[in-house]
Amino acid sequence: MVIVHAAVHKGRKIRNYMPRAFGRSTPWFQDTVTIELAGAEIPEENVPKRLKLKPKPY
């Protein structure tokens, strides 16, 4: 399996408010991201030697 595409996009913003004394509140926002990965299987003979992993003996 080889990763052929990777992208990160700005996601939804989580809006919340933290209550404080005397009826006030402080905004508390959290940004999120969307991660996009695409992989493809390639034949073993086409994998470069530097990427080949040795199988673990069990």
N, C-alpha and C. Protein backbone atom coordinates (compact mmCIF):
# COMPACT_ATOMS: atom_id res chain seq x y z
N MET A 1 0.86 -1.17 0.00
CA MET A 1 0.00 0.00 0.00
C MET A 1 0.90 1.23 0.00
N VAL A 2 0.60 2.18 -0.87
CA VAL A 2 1.37 3.41 -1.00
C VAL A 2 0.39 4.58 -0.97
N ILE A 3 0.74 5.61 -0.23
CA ILE A 3 -0.09 6.82 -0.19
C ILE A 3 0.16 7.61 -1.47
N VAL A 4 -0.92 7.86 -2.22
CA VAL A 4 -0.79 8.59 -3.48
C VAL A 4 -1.30 10.01 -3.37
N HIS A 5 -2.08 10.32 -2.34
CA HIS A 5 -2.61 11.67 -2.18
C HIS A 5 -2.84 11.95 -0.70
N ALA A 6 -2.45 13.12 -0.25
CA ALA A 6 -2.70 13.54 1.13
C ALA A 6 -3.05 15.02 1.11
N ALA A 7 -4.13 15.38 1.80
CA ALA A 7 -4.57 16.77 1.84
C ALA A 7 -5.21 17.06 3.19
N VAL A 8 -5.08 18.29 3.63
CA VAL A 8 -5.69 18.75 4.87
C VAL A 8 -6.52 19.99 4.55
N HIS A 9 -7.75 20.00 5.02
CA HIS A 9 -8.64 21.12 4.78
C HIS A 9 -9.15 21.67 6.11
N LYS A 10 -9.45 22.95 6.11
CA LYS A 10 -10.01 23.57 7.29
C LYS A 10 -11.41 23.00 7.53
N GLY A 11 -11.64 22.59 8.76
CA GLY A 11 -12.92 21.96 9.09
C GLY A 11 -13.87 22.93 9.77
N ARG A 12 -14.81 22.35 10.43
CA ARG A 12 -15.85 23.09 11.12
C ARG A 12 -15.28 23.74 12.39
N LYS A 13 -15.81 24.88 12.76
CA LYS A 13 -15.40 25.55 14.00
C LYS A 13 -16.43 25.24 15.07
N ILE A 14 -15.96 24.71 16.21
CA ILE A 14 -16.85 24.41 17.33
C ILE A 14 -16.95 25.67 18.18
N ARG A 15 -18.15 26.19 18.28
CA ARG A 15 -18.37 27.42 19.05
C ARG A 15 -18.99 27.05 20.40
N ASN A 16 -18.44 27.63 21.44
CA ASN A 16 -18.94 27.37 22.78
C ASN A 16 -18.67 28.61 23.62
N TYR A 17 -19.34 28.71 24.74
CA TYR A 17 -19.13 29.84 25.64
C TYR A 17 -18.93 29.32 27.05
N MET A 18 -17.93 29.85 27.73
CA MET A 18 -17.61 29.45 29.09
C MET A 18 -18.25 30.46 30.05
N PRO A 19 -19.17 30.02 30.89
CA PRO A 19 -19.81 30.94 31.81
C PRO A 19 -18.82 31.49 32.84
N ARG A 20 -19.04 32.73 33.21
CA ARG A 20 -18.20 33.37 34.22
C ARG A 20 -19.09 34.03 35.26
N ALA A 21 -18.47 34.67 36.20
CA ALA A 21 -19.22 35.28 37.31
C ALA A 21 -20.03 36.48 36.82
N PHE A 22 -21.07 36.79 37.54
CA PHE A 22 -21.92 37.96 37.32
C PHE A 22 -22.60 37.94 35.95
N GLY A 23 -22.96 36.74 35.46
CA GLY A 23 -23.73 36.63 34.23
C GLY A 23 -22.94 36.84 32.95
N ARG A 24 -21.62 36.93 33.04
CA ARG A 24 -20.82 37.13 31.83
C ARG A 24 -20.43 35.77 31.25
N SER A 25 -19.89 35.80 30.04
CA SER A 25 -19.36 34.57 29.45
C SER A 25 -18.18 34.91 28.55
N THR A 26 -17.32 33.95 28.36
CA THR A 26 -16.14 34.12 27.53
C THR A 26 -16.26 33.18 26.33
N PRO A 27 -16.07 33.68 25.11
CA PRO A 27 -16.14 32.77 23.96
C PRO A 27 -15.00 31.77 23.99
N TRP A 28 -15.30 30.55 23.58
CA TRP A 28 -14.32 29.47 23.53
C TRP A 28 -14.55 28.73 22.22
N PHE A 29 -13.68 28.96 21.25
CA PHE A 29 -13.83 28.36 19.93
C PHE A 29 -12.72 27.34 19.71
N GLN A 30 -13.05 26.27 18.99
CA GLN A 30 -12.07 25.23 18.69
C GLN A 30 -12.13 24.94 17.19
N ASP A 31 -11.00 25.10 16.51
CA ASP A 31 -10.93 24.82 15.08
C ASP A 31 -10.67 23.34 14.87
N THR A 32 -11.25 22.78 13.81
CA THR A 32 -11.03 21.38 13.47
C THR A 32 -10.47 21.30 12.05
N VAL A 33 -9.95 20.15 11.70
CA VAL A 33 -9.41 19.93 10.36
C VAL A 33 -9.98 18.63 9.80
N THR A 34 -9.98 18.53 8.48
CA THR A 34 -10.39 17.33 7.77
C THR A 34 -9.17 16.79 7.04
N ILE A 35 -8.81 15.55 7.32
CA ILE A 35 -7.64 14.92 6.71
C ILE A 35 -8.13 13.95 5.64
N GLU A 36 -7.54 14.05 4.45
CA GLU A 36 -7.92 13.20 3.33
C GLU A 36 -6.70 12.42 2.87
N LEU A 37 -6.77 11.10 2.91
CA LEU A 37 -5.68 10.23 2.47
C LEU A 37 -6.21 9.25 1.43
N ALA A 38 -5.43 9.03 0.38
CA ALA A 38 -5.78 8.04 -0.64
C ALA A 38 -4.58 7.13 -0.84
N GLY A 39 -4.83 5.85 -0.87
CA GLY A 39 -3.76 4.88 -1.04
C GLY A 39 -4.05 3.96 -2.21
N ALA A 40 -3.00 3.33 -2.70
CA ALA A 40 -3.14 2.39 -3.80
C ALA A 40 -2.19 1.22 -3.57
N GLU A 41 -2.66 0.04 -3.96
CA GLU A 41 -1.80 -1.14 -3.89
C GLU A 41 -1.01 -1.24 -5.17
N ILE A 42 0.28 -1.49 -5.03
CA ILE A 42 1.11 -1.68 -6.21
C ILE A 42 1.78 -3.04 -6.11
N PRO A 43 2.13 -3.65 -7.25
CA PRO A 43 2.79 -4.96 -7.19
C PRO A 43 4.10 -4.89 -6.43
N GLU A 44 4.45 -5.99 -5.77
CA GLU A 44 5.64 -6.01 -4.92
C GLU A 44 6.92 -5.76 -5.71
N GLU A 45 6.96 -6.17 -6.97
CA GLU A 45 8.18 -5.96 -7.76
C GLU A 45 8.38 -4.50 -8.16
N ASN A 46 7.36 -3.67 -8.03
CA ASN A 46 7.48 -2.24 -8.37
C ASN A 46 7.81 -1.36 -7.16
N VAL A 47 7.86 -1.94 -5.97
CA VAL A 47 8.16 -1.17 -4.76
C VAL A 47 9.67 -0.91 -4.70
N PRO A 48 10.10 0.35 -4.52
CA PRO A 48 11.54 0.62 -4.40
C PRO A 48 12.15 -0.11 -3.21
N LYS A 49 13.43 -0.45 -3.31
CA LYS A 49 14.10 -1.21 -2.25
C LYS A 49 14.11 -0.46 -0.93
N ARG A 50 14.20 0.87 -0.97
CA ARG A 50 14.26 1.63 0.28
C ARG A 50 12.92 1.60 1.03
N LEU A 51 11.83 1.25 0.34
CA LEU A 51 10.52 1.19 0.99
C LEU A 51 10.12 -0.22 1.41
N LYS A 52 10.85 -1.22 0.95
CA LYS A 52 10.49 -2.59 1.29
C LYS A 52 10.77 -2.85 2.77
N LEU A 53 9.81 -3.45 3.43
CA LEU A 53 9.94 -3.78 4.84
C LEU A 53 10.13 -5.28 4.98
N LYS A 54 10.97 -5.67 5.91
CA LYS A 54 11.20 -7.08 6.14
C LYS A 54 10.05 -7.63 6.98
N PRO A 55 9.48 -8.77 6.59
CA PRO A 55 8.38 -9.33 7.41
C PRO A 55 8.90 -9.78 8.76
N LYS A 56 8.07 -9.60 9.78
CA LYS A 56 8.44 -10.00 11.13
C LYS A 56 8.17 -11.49 11.33
N PRO A 57 9.13 -12.23 11.86
CA PRO A 57 8.88 -13.65 12.13
C PRO A 57 8.02 -13.80 13.39
N TYR A 58 7.02 -14.67 13.32
CA TYR A 58 6.14 -14.89 14.46
C TYR A 58 6.37 -16.26 15.04
